[in-house]
Amino acid sequence: MYYDNLHGLLRVAAVGVPAYIALILLLRVSGKRTLSKMNAFDLVVTIALGSTLASIITSKGVALAEGLLALGLLVGLQFGIAWLSVRSTRVGGFVKSQPRLLYYRGVFIEDALRRERVLRDEVLAAMREQGLASPDQALAVVLETSGEFSVVRAGESDEAALPAGEPLPVTSL
């Protein structure tokens, strides 16, 4: 079946357009951080916003005003938590993780791999994605707070590119 009735289609259009416009306005007012992928918390908020918008548009049981309130609540809470995390190390530490050094000067840091549940093969794949033919071409691999790998090429950068406060491993085997 392509549709139940014309009323349902008109409802989607009548509710979808203002809900979409309201979401765009909320996102513009709240700033770039609301849809960033800086950490897992930001990812969850982005998914929740998308799910809420879909519910507003497709669910007959959700009134437009209720849906807009839900969107505003999610954006407001995300803004508040981000604001607090910048001003409080305790909140910041709870909400976001720290980058983790996984590989340094030819040595895989086994404790870090285990804690982050990352396989050596995943680190090697990240190196290959950066065009490195051999692990020897990498100075370091860092698991960023976003869950992405950063590969620092050997000889092109110094140790300043590594996470601050991260203890450097002993490079001898």
N, C-alpha and C. Protein backbone atom coordinates (compact mmCIF):
# COMPACT_ATOMS: atom_id res chain seq x y z
N MET A 1 0.84 -1.16 0.00
CA MET A 1 0.00 0.00 0.00
C MET A 1 0.90 1.25 0.00
N TYR A 2 0.57 2.22 -0.79
CA TYR A 2 1.37 3.42 -0.90
C TYR A 2 1.02 4.47 0.13
N TYR A 3 -0.22 4.52 0.56
CA TYR A 3 -0.62 5.42 1.63
C TYR A 3 -1.99 5.00 2.15
N ASP A 4 -2.25 5.40 3.40
CA ASP A 4 -3.54 5.06 4.01
C ASP A 4 -4.63 6.02 3.53
N ASN A 5 -4.33 7.30 3.61
CA ASN A 5 -5.31 8.29 3.16
C ASN A 5 -4.61 9.62 2.93
N LEU A 6 -5.29 10.49 2.27
CA LEU A 6 -4.74 11.80 1.95
C LEU A 6 -4.51 12.64 3.20
N HIS A 7 -5.35 12.45 4.21
CA HIS A 7 -5.20 13.20 5.46
C HIS A 7 -3.83 12.92 6.10
N GLY A 8 -3.38 11.67 6.08
CA GLY A 8 -2.08 11.32 6.65
C GLY A 8 -0.93 12.00 5.93
N LEU A 9 -1.02 12.06 4.61
CA LEU A 9 0.02 12.73 3.82
C LEU A 9 0.05 14.23 4.11
N LEU A 10 -1.13 14.82 4.19
CA LEU A 10 -1.20 16.26 4.49
C LEU A 10 -0.67 16.56 5.88
N ARG A 11 -0.93 15.67 6.85
CA ARG A 11 -0.42 15.85 8.20
C ARG A 11 1.10 15.84 8.22
N VAL A 12 1.71 14.90 7.51
CA VAL A 12 3.17 14.84 7.46
C VAL A 12 3.74 16.14 6.91
N ALA A 13 3.15 16.66 5.85
CA ALA A 13 3.63 17.91 5.26
C ALA A 13 3.37 19.09 6.20
N ALA A 14 2.19 19.12 6.78
CA ALA A 14 1.82 20.26 7.64
C ALA A 14 2.64 20.30 8.92
N VAL A 15 3.00 19.14 9.46
CA VAL A 15 3.78 19.08 10.70
C VAL A 15 5.28 19.05 10.39
N GLY A 16 5.65 18.37 9.32
CA GLY A 16 7.07 18.19 8.99
C GLY A 16 7.79 19.48 8.66
N VAL A 17 7.18 20.33 7.90
CA VAL A 17 7.83 21.58 7.49
C VAL A 17 8.11 22.49 8.70
N PRO A 18 7.12 22.78 9.55
CA PRO A 18 7.45 23.63 10.70
C PRO A 18 8.41 22.95 11.69
N ALA A 19 8.31 21.64 11.85
CA ALA A 19 9.22 20.94 12.76
C ALA A 19 10.66 21.03 12.25
N TYR A 20 10.83 20.86 10.96
CA TYR A 20 12.15 20.96 10.35
C TYR A 20 12.71 22.37 10.49
N ILE A 21 11.90 23.35 10.19
CA ILE A 21 12.34 24.76 10.31
C ILE A 21 12.70 25.07 11.77
N ALA A 22 11.88 24.60 12.70
CA ALA A 22 12.16 24.84 14.12
C ALA A 22 13.48 24.18 14.53
N LEU A 23 13.74 22.97 14.05
CA LEU A 23 15.00 22.30 14.38
C LEU A 23 16.19 23.08 13.83
N ILE A 24 16.08 23.55 12.59
CA ILE A 24 17.17 24.34 12.01
C ILE A 24 17.42 25.60 12.84
N LEU A 25 16.36 26.29 13.23
CA LEU A 25 16.52 27.49 14.05
C LEU A 25 17.15 27.18 15.40
N LEU A 26 16.70 26.10 16.04
CA LEU A 26 17.28 25.70 17.33
C LEU A 26 18.77 25.38 17.18
N LEU A 27 19.13 24.70 16.11
CA LEU A 27 20.53 24.35 15.89
C LEU A 27 21.38 25.58 15.63
N ARG A 28 20.85 26.54 14.88
CA ARG A 28 21.59 27.78 14.61
C ARG A 28 21.80 28.59 15.89
N VAL A 29 20.76 28.64 16.73
CA VAL A 29 20.86 29.39 17.98
C VAL A 29 21.81 28.72 18.96
N SER A 30 21.81 27.40 19.00
CA SER A 30 22.61 26.68 19.99
C SER A 30 24.08 26.56 19.61
N GLY A 31 24.43 26.76 18.37
CA GLY A 31 25.84 26.74 17.96
C GLY A 31 26.26 25.44 17.32
N LYS A 32 27.48 25.43 16.82
CA LYS A 32 28.02 24.29 16.07
C LYS A 32 28.18 23.05 16.92
N ARG A 33 28.41 23.22 18.19
CA ARG A 33 28.68 22.09 19.07
C ARG A 33 27.52 21.10 19.13
N THR A 34 26.29 21.56 18.94
CA THR A 34 25.12 20.71 19.07
C THR A 34 25.18 19.52 18.11
N LEU A 35 25.68 19.71 16.92
CA LEU A 35 25.75 18.60 15.96
C LEU A 35 27.18 18.14 15.72
N SER A 36 28.08 18.48 16.60
CA SER A 36 29.46 18.04 16.42
C SER A 36 29.59 16.57 16.77
N LYS A 37 30.69 16.00 16.40
CA LYS A 37 30.96 14.63 16.80
C LYS A 37 32.23 14.60 17.66
N MET A 38 32.25 15.50 18.63
CA MET A 38 33.42 15.63 19.48
C MET A 38 33.56 14.46 20.44
N ASN A 39 32.44 13.89 20.87
CA ASN A 39 32.52 12.75 21.78
C ASN A 39 31.22 11.96 21.71
N ALA A 40 31.15 10.89 22.48
CA ALA A 40 29.98 10.00 22.44
C ALA A 40 28.71 10.72 22.88
N PHE A 41 28.82 11.62 23.83
CA PHE A 41 27.67 12.38 24.30
C PHE A 41 27.06 13.18 23.15
N ASP A 42 27.89 13.85 22.37
CA ASP A 42 27.41 14.64 21.24
C ASP A 42 26.74 13.74 20.20
N LEU A 43 27.29 12.56 19.97
CA LEU A 43 26.70 11.61 19.03
C LEU A 43 25.31 11.19 19.48
N VAL A 44 25.15 10.89 20.75
CA VAL A 44 23.85 10.48 21.28
C VAL A 44 22.82 11.60 21.11
N VAL A 45 23.22 12.82 21.36
CA VAL A 45 22.30 13.96 21.20
C VAL A 45 21.88 14.10 19.73
N THR A 46 22.82 13.95 18.82
CA THR A 46 22.50 14.05 17.39
C THR A 46 21.50 12.98 16.98
N ILE A 47 21.71 11.75 17.44
CA ILE A 47 20.79 10.66 17.12
C ILE A 47 19.42 10.93 17.75
N ALA A 48 19.40 11.41 18.98
CA ALA A 48 18.13 11.70 19.65
C ALA A 48 17.36 12.80 18.92
N LEU A 49 18.07 13.81 18.42
CA LEU A 49 17.40 14.87 17.67
C LEU A 49 16.75 14.31 16.40
N GLY A 50 17.48 13.47 15.69
CA GLY A 50 16.93 12.86 14.48
C GLY A 50 15.74 11.97 14.77
N SER A 51 15.83 11.20 15.82
CA SER A 51 14.72 10.34 16.21
C SER A 51 13.50 11.14 16.63
N THR A 52 13.73 12.21 17.35
CA THR A 52 12.62 13.06 17.79
C THR A 52 11.94 13.72 16.60
N LEU A 53 12.73 14.24 15.66
CA LEU A 53 12.15 14.85 14.46
C LEU A 53 11.32 13.83 13.69
N ALA A 54 11.83 12.61 13.56
CA ALA A 54 11.09 11.56 12.85
C ALA A 54 9.78 11.25 13.56
N SER A 55 9.81 11.21 14.87
CA SER A 55 8.58 10.94 15.63
C SER A 55 7.56 12.05 15.46
N ILE A 56 8.02 13.29 15.46
CA ILE A 56 7.12 14.42 15.28
C ILE A 56 6.42 14.32 13.92
N ILE A 57 7.20 14.00 12.90
CA ILE A 57 6.67 13.99 11.54
C ILE A 57 5.74 12.79 11.30
N THR A 58 6.12 11.62 11.79
CA THR A 58 5.39 10.40 11.41
C THR A 58 4.38 9.90 12.43
N SER A 59 4.49 10.30 13.67
CA SER A 59 3.59 9.78 14.69
C SER A 59 2.39 10.69 14.90
N LYS A 60 1.22 10.15 14.70
CA LYS A 60 -0.01 10.93 14.90
C LYS A 60 -0.22 11.23 16.38
N GLY A 61 0.42 10.44 17.25
CA GLY A 61 0.25 10.64 18.69
C GLY A 61 1.10 11.75 19.27
N VAL A 62 1.97 12.35 18.46
CA VAL A 62 2.83 13.43 18.95
C VAL A 62 2.38 14.73 18.31
N ALA A 63 1.87 15.63 19.13
CA ALA A 63 1.45 16.94 18.62
C ALA A 63 2.68 17.78 18.29
N LEU A 64 2.53 18.69 17.37
CA LEU A 64 3.65 19.55 16.96
C LEU A 64 4.25 20.28 18.15
N ALA A 65 3.43 20.85 19.01
CA ALA A 65 3.94 21.60 20.17
C ALA A 65 4.73 20.69 21.10
N GLU A 66 4.27 19.47 21.32
CA GLU A 66 5.01 18.52 22.17
C GLU A 66 6.35 18.18 21.54
N GLY A 67 6.34 17.95 20.24
CA GLY A 67 7.58 17.62 19.55
C GLY A 67 8.58 18.75 19.58
N LEU A 68 8.09 19.97 19.37
CA LEU A 68 8.99 21.12 19.40
C LEU A 68 9.57 21.32 20.80
N LEU A 69 8.75 21.07 21.82
CA LEU A 69 9.25 21.15 23.19
C LEU A 69 10.34 20.10 23.41
N ALA A 70 10.12 18.89 22.90
CA ALA A 70 11.13 17.83 23.04
C ALA A 70 12.43 18.21 22.34
N LEU A 71 12.34 18.76 21.12
CA LEU A 71 13.56 19.21 20.42
C LEU A 71 14.26 20.30 21.21
N GLY A 72 13.49 21.28 21.68
CA GLY A 72 14.08 22.37 22.48
C GLY A 72 14.73 21.86 23.75
N LEU A 73 14.09 20.89 24.38
CA LEU A 73 14.65 20.31 25.60
C LEU A 73 15.98 19.61 25.33
N LEU A 74 16.04 18.80 24.26
CA LEU A 74 17.29 18.12 23.92
C LEU A 74 18.40 19.12 23.61
N VAL A 75 18.09 20.12 22.80
CA VAL A 75 19.10 21.12 22.44
C VAL A 75 19.52 21.90 23.67
N GLY A 76 18.57 22.28 24.50
CA GLY A 76 18.89 23.03 25.71
C GLY A 76 19.74 22.23 26.69
N LEU A 77 19.40 20.97 26.88
CA LEU A 77 20.19 20.12 27.78
C LEU A 77 21.61 19.91 27.24
N GLN A 78 21.72 19.70 25.94
CA GLN A 78 23.04 19.51 25.34
C GLN A 78 23.87 20.78 25.49
N PHE A 79 23.25 21.92 25.26
CA PHE A 79 23.93 23.21 25.42
C PHE A 79 24.38 23.38 26.87
N GLY A 80 23.50 23.07 27.80
CA GLY A 80 23.83 23.21 29.22
C GLY A 80 24.97 22.31 29.66
N ILE A 81 24.93 21.06 29.23
CA ILE A 81 26.01 20.13 29.59
C ILE A 81 27.32 20.57 28.96
N ALA A 82 27.29 21.01 27.70
CA ALA A 82 28.52 21.49 27.05
C ALA A 82 29.05 22.73 27.77
N TRP A 83 28.16 23.63 28.15
CA TRP A 83 28.56 24.84 28.88
C TRP A 83 29.21 24.48 30.21
N LEU A 84 28.58 23.54 30.94
CA LEU A 84 29.14 23.11 32.22
C LEU A 84 30.47 22.38 32.05
N SER A 85 30.58 21.57 31.01
CA SER A 85 31.82 20.80 30.83
C SER A 85 33.01 21.69 30.54
N VAL A 86 32.76 22.85 29.94
CA VAL A 86 33.85 23.80 29.68
C VAL A 86 34.27 24.49 30.97
N ARG A 87 33.35 24.65 31.90
CA ARG A 87 33.61 25.39 33.13
C ARG A 87 33.93 24.51 34.34
N SER A 88 33.66 23.23 34.23
CA SER A 88 33.90 22.32 35.35
C SER A 88 34.66 21.09 34.88
N THR A 89 35.84 20.87 35.45
CA THR A 89 36.61 19.69 35.06
C THR A 89 35.90 18.40 35.46
N ARG A 90 35.14 18.44 36.54
CA ARG A 90 34.41 17.25 36.97
C ARG A 90 33.34 16.87 35.94
N VAL A 91 32.55 17.85 35.51
CA VAL A 91 31.53 17.59 34.49
C VAL A 91 32.19 17.22 33.17
N GLY A 92 33.23 17.95 32.81
CA GLY A 92 33.95 17.65 31.57
C GLY A 92 34.52 16.25 31.56
N GLY A 93 35.08 15.83 32.67
CA GLY A 93 35.63 14.47 32.76
C GLY A 93 34.56 13.40 32.70
N PHE A 94 33.37 13.72 33.20
CA PHE A 94 32.26 12.76 33.16
C PHE A 94 31.68 12.63 31.75
N VAL A 95 31.60 13.75 31.04
CA VAL A 95 30.93 13.77 29.74
C VAL A 95 31.84 13.32 28.61
N LYS A 96 33.09 13.71 28.65
CA LYS A 96 33.96 13.39 27.52
C LYS A 96 35.19 12.62 27.96
N SER A 97 35.66 11.80 27.05
CA SER A 97 36.85 11.00 27.32
C SER A 97 38.09 11.77 26.87
N GLN A 98 39.24 11.20 27.13
CA GLN A 98 40.50 11.79 26.73
C GLN A 98 41.07 11.01 25.54
N PRO A 99 41.84 11.67 24.68
CA PRO A 99 42.50 10.92 23.61
C PRO A 99 43.46 9.90 24.23
N ARG A 100 43.66 8.79 23.54
CA ARG A 100 44.51 7.72 24.08
C ARG A 100 45.56 7.33 23.05
N LEU A 101 46.81 7.35 23.45
CA LEU A 101 47.93 6.91 22.62
C LEU A 101 47.92 5.39 22.54
N LEU A 102 47.84 4.85 21.31
CA LEU A 102 47.75 3.40 21.12
C LEU A 102 49.02 2.79 20.55
N TYR A 103 49.79 3.61 19.85
CA TYR A 103 51.00 3.13 19.17
C TYR A 103 52.00 4.27 19.18
N TYR A 104 53.26 3.93 19.51
CA TYR A 104 54.28 4.96 19.54
C TYR A 104 55.63 4.37 19.17
N ARG A 105 56.24 4.92 18.13
CA ARG A 105 57.59 4.53 17.67
C ARG A 105 57.77 3.02 17.57
N GLY A 106 56.85 2.39 16.86
CA GLY A 106 56.99 0.96 16.58
C GLY A 106 56.45 0.04 17.66
N VAL A 107 55.90 0.60 18.73
CA VAL A 107 55.42 -0.22 19.85
C VAL A 107 53.91 -0.02 20.04
N PHE A 108 53.17 -1.12 20.04
CA PHE A 108 51.76 -1.06 20.40
C PHE A 108 51.67 -0.98 21.91
N ILE A 109 50.83 -0.11 22.41
CA ILE A 109 50.66 0.07 23.85
C ILE A 109 49.50 -0.83 24.27
N GLU A 110 49.87 -2.03 24.71
CA GLU A 110 48.89 -3.08 24.96
C GLU A 110 47.84 -2.70 25.99
N ASP A 111 48.24 -2.03 27.06
CA ASP A 111 47.28 -1.63 28.09
C ASP A 111 46.23 -0.68 27.51
N ALA A 112 46.67 0.26 26.69
CA ALA A 112 45.74 1.21 26.07
C ALA A 112 44.83 0.51 25.07
N LEU A 113 45.37 -0.41 24.29
CA LEU A 113 44.55 -1.17 23.35
C LEU A 113 43.47 -1.95 24.09
N ARG A 114 43.84 -2.59 25.18
CA ARG A 114 42.90 -3.38 25.97
C ARG A 114 41.82 -2.49 26.60
N ARG A 115 42.24 -1.37 27.19
CA ARG A 115 41.27 -0.47 27.84
C ARG A 115 40.27 0.12 26.84
N GLU A 116 40.73 0.40 25.64
CA GLU A 116 39.87 1.01 24.62
C GLU A 116 39.19 -0.04 23.74
N ARG A 117 39.49 -1.31 23.97
CA ARG A 117 38.92 -2.42 23.21
C ARG A 117 39.18 -2.25 21.71
N VAL A 118 40.45 -1.99 21.39
CA VAL A 118 40.88 -1.80 20.01
C VAL A 118 41.87 -2.91 19.67
N LEU A 119 41.72 -3.48 18.49
CA LEU A 119 42.63 -4.52 18.02
C LEU A 119 43.83 -3.90 17.30
N ARG A 120 44.94 -4.60 17.33
CA ARG A 120 46.12 -4.15 16.58
C ARG A 120 45.77 -3.97 15.11
N ASP A 121 44.97 -4.89 14.58
CA ASP A 121 44.59 -4.82 13.17
C ASP A 121 43.84 -3.52 12.84
N GLU A 122 43.07 -3.01 13.79
CA GLU A 122 42.36 -1.74 13.56
C GLU A 122 43.34 -0.57 13.50
N VAL A 123 44.36 -0.62 14.33
CA VAL A 123 45.39 0.43 14.31
C VAL A 123 46.16 0.36 12.99
N LEU A 124 46.50 -0.86 12.57
CA LEU A 124 47.21 -1.03 11.29
C LEU A 124 46.34 -0.57 10.12
N ALA A 125 45.05 -0.83 10.19
CA ALA A 125 44.13 -0.37 9.14
C ALA A 125 44.10 1.16 9.08
N ALA A 126 44.11 1.82 10.24
CA ALA A 126 44.14 3.28 10.27
C ALA A 126 45.42 3.81 9.61
N MET A 127 46.53 3.12 9.82
CA MET A 127 47.78 3.53 9.19
C MET A 127 47.67 3.38 7.67
N ARG A 128 47.11 2.25 7.22
CA ARG A 128 46.96 2.04 5.78
C ARG A 128 46.04 3.08 5.16
N GLU A 129 44.96 3.45 5.88
CA GLU A 129 44.05 4.48 5.37
C GLU A 129 44.75 5.81 5.15
N GLN A 130 45.82 6.05 5.90
CA GLN A 130 46.60 7.28 5.74
C GLN A 130 47.71 7.12 4.71
N GLY A 131 47.72 5.99 4.01
CA GLY A 131 48.69 5.77 2.95
C GLY A 131 50.04 5.26 3.41
N LEU A 132 50.12 4.77 4.64
CA LEU A 132 51.40 4.25 5.13
C LEU A 132 51.52 2.78 4.75
N ALA A 133 52.61 2.43 4.08
CA ALA A 133 52.82 1.06 3.65
C ALA A 133 53.35 0.18 4.77
N SER A 134 53.95 0.81 5.78
CA SER A 134 54.57 0.07 6.87
C SER A 134 54.32 0.80 8.18
N PRO A 135 54.15 0.05 9.28
CA PRO A 135 53.99 0.71 10.59
C PRO A 135 55.19 1.58 10.97
N ASP A 136 56.35 1.28 10.41
CA ASP A 136 57.54 2.08 10.70
C ASP A 136 57.40 3.52 10.21
N GLN A 137 56.47 3.76 9.31
CA GLN A 137 56.26 5.11 8.79
C GLN A 137 55.42 5.97 9.73
N ALA A 138 54.90 5.36 10.79
CA ALA A 138 54.07 6.11 11.75
C ALA A 138 54.87 6.39 13.02
N LEU A 139 54.81 7.63 13.47
CA LEU A 139 55.38 7.96 14.78
C LEU A 139 54.42 7.48 15.86
N ALA A 140 53.12 7.78 15.66
CA ALA A 140 52.13 7.44 16.68
C ALA A 140 50.76 7.29 16.07
N VAL A 141 49.90 6.58 16.81
CA VAL A 141 48.47 6.50 16.48
C VAL A 141 47.71 6.82 17.77
N VAL A 142 46.77 7.77 17.65
CA VAL A 142 46.00 8.23 18.80
C VAL A 142 44.52 7.94 18.53
N LEU A 143 43.84 7.37 19.52
CA LEU A 143 42.39 7.23 19.45
C LEU A 143 41.80 8.51 20.02
N GLU A 144 41.13 9.29 19.16
CA GLU A 144 40.61 10.59 19.57
C GLU A 144 39.31 10.44 20.35
N THR A 145 38.86 11.51 20.97
CA THR A 145 37.64 11.47 21.76
C THR A 145 36.41 11.17 20.91
N SER A 146 36.50 11.42 19.61
CA SER A 146 35.39 11.14 18.69
C SER A 146 35.34 9.68 18.28
N GLY A 147 36.37 8.90 18.66
CA GLY A 147 36.43 7.50 18.26
C GLY A 147 37.23 7.29 16.98
N GLU A 148 37.71 8.36 16.39
CA GLU A 148 38.51 8.26 15.17
C GLU A 148 39.98 8.13 15.52
N PHE A 149 40.73 7.53 14.59
CA PHE A 149 42.17 7.39 14.77
C PHE A 149 42.88 8.56 14.12
N SER A 150 43.88 9.11 14.80
CA SER A 150 44.79 10.09 14.20
C SER A 150 46.14 9.41 14.07
N VAL A 151 46.70 9.48 12.88
CA VAL A 151 48.00 8.88 12.62
C VAL A 151 48.99 10.01 12.43
N VAL A 152 50.04 10.02 13.24
CA VAL A 152 51.11 11.02 13.14
C VAL A 152 52.26 10.34 12.42
N ARG A 153 52.59 10.85 11.25
CA ARG A 153 53.66 10.25 10.44
C ARG A 153 55.02 10.50 11.06
N ALA A 154 55.87 9.53 10.97
CA ALA A 154 57.24 9.67 11.47
C ALA A 154 57.99 10.68 10.61
N GLY A 155 58.75 11.54 11.25
CA GLY A 155 59.58 12.49 10.53
C GLY A 155 58.86 13.75 10.08
N GLU A 156 57.53 13.76 10.12
CA GLU A 156 56.79 14.94 9.67
C GLU A 156 56.30 15.80 10.83
N SER A 157 56.36 15.27 12.05
CA SER A 157 55.82 16.01 13.18
C SER A 157 56.67 15.69 14.40
N ASP A 158 56.56 16.53 15.39
CA ASP A 158 57.27 16.24 16.63
C ASP A 158 56.27 15.72 17.66
N GLU A 159 56.72 15.50 18.85
CA GLU A 159 55.87 14.92 19.89
C GLU A 159 54.80 15.87 20.39
N ALA A 160 54.82 17.12 19.96
CA ALA A 160 53.80 18.08 20.39
C ALA A 160 52.42 17.71 19.86
N ALA A 161 52.36 16.87 18.81
CA ALA A 161 51.08 16.48 18.23
C ALA A 161 50.40 15.40 19.06
N LEU A 162 51.07 14.87 20.05
CA LEU A 162 50.51 13.79 20.85
C LEU A 162 49.65 14.35 21.97
N PRO A 163 48.74 13.53 22.52
CA PRO A 163 47.84 14.02 23.57
C PRO A 163 48.60 14.57 24.77
N ALA A 164 48.18 15.69 25.26
CA ALA A 164 48.81 16.32 26.41
C ALA A 164 48.65 15.44 27.64
N GLY A 165 49.72 15.30 28.39
CA GLY A 165 49.66 14.54 29.62
C GLY A 165 49.73 13.03 29.43
N GLU A 166 49.76 12.58 28.19
CA GLU A 166 49.83 11.14 27.92
C GLU A 166 51.27 10.68 28.16
N PRO A 167 51.48 9.71 29.04
CA PRO A 167 52.83 9.23 29.26
C PRO A 167 53.33 8.50 28.02
N LEU A 168 54.54 8.85 27.59
CA LEU A 168 55.11 8.19 26.43
C LEU A 168 55.70 6.86 26.83
N PRO A 169 55.41 5.81 26.07
CA PRO A 169 55.90 4.48 26.42
C PRO A 169 57.39 4.35 26.12
N VAL A 170 58.01 3.39 26.75
CA VAL A 170 59.40 3.06 26.46
C VAL A 170 59.43 2.45 25.07
N THR A 171 60.34 2.90 24.21
CA THR A 171 60.33 2.46 22.82
C THR A 171 61.13 1.19 22.60
N SER A 172 61.90 0.77 23.57
CA SER A 172 62.67 -0.47 23.36
C SER A 172 61.78 -1.68 23.61
N LEU A 173 62.04 -2.75 22.90
CA LEU A 173 61.22 -3.96 23.06
C LEU A 173 61.81 -4.81 24.10
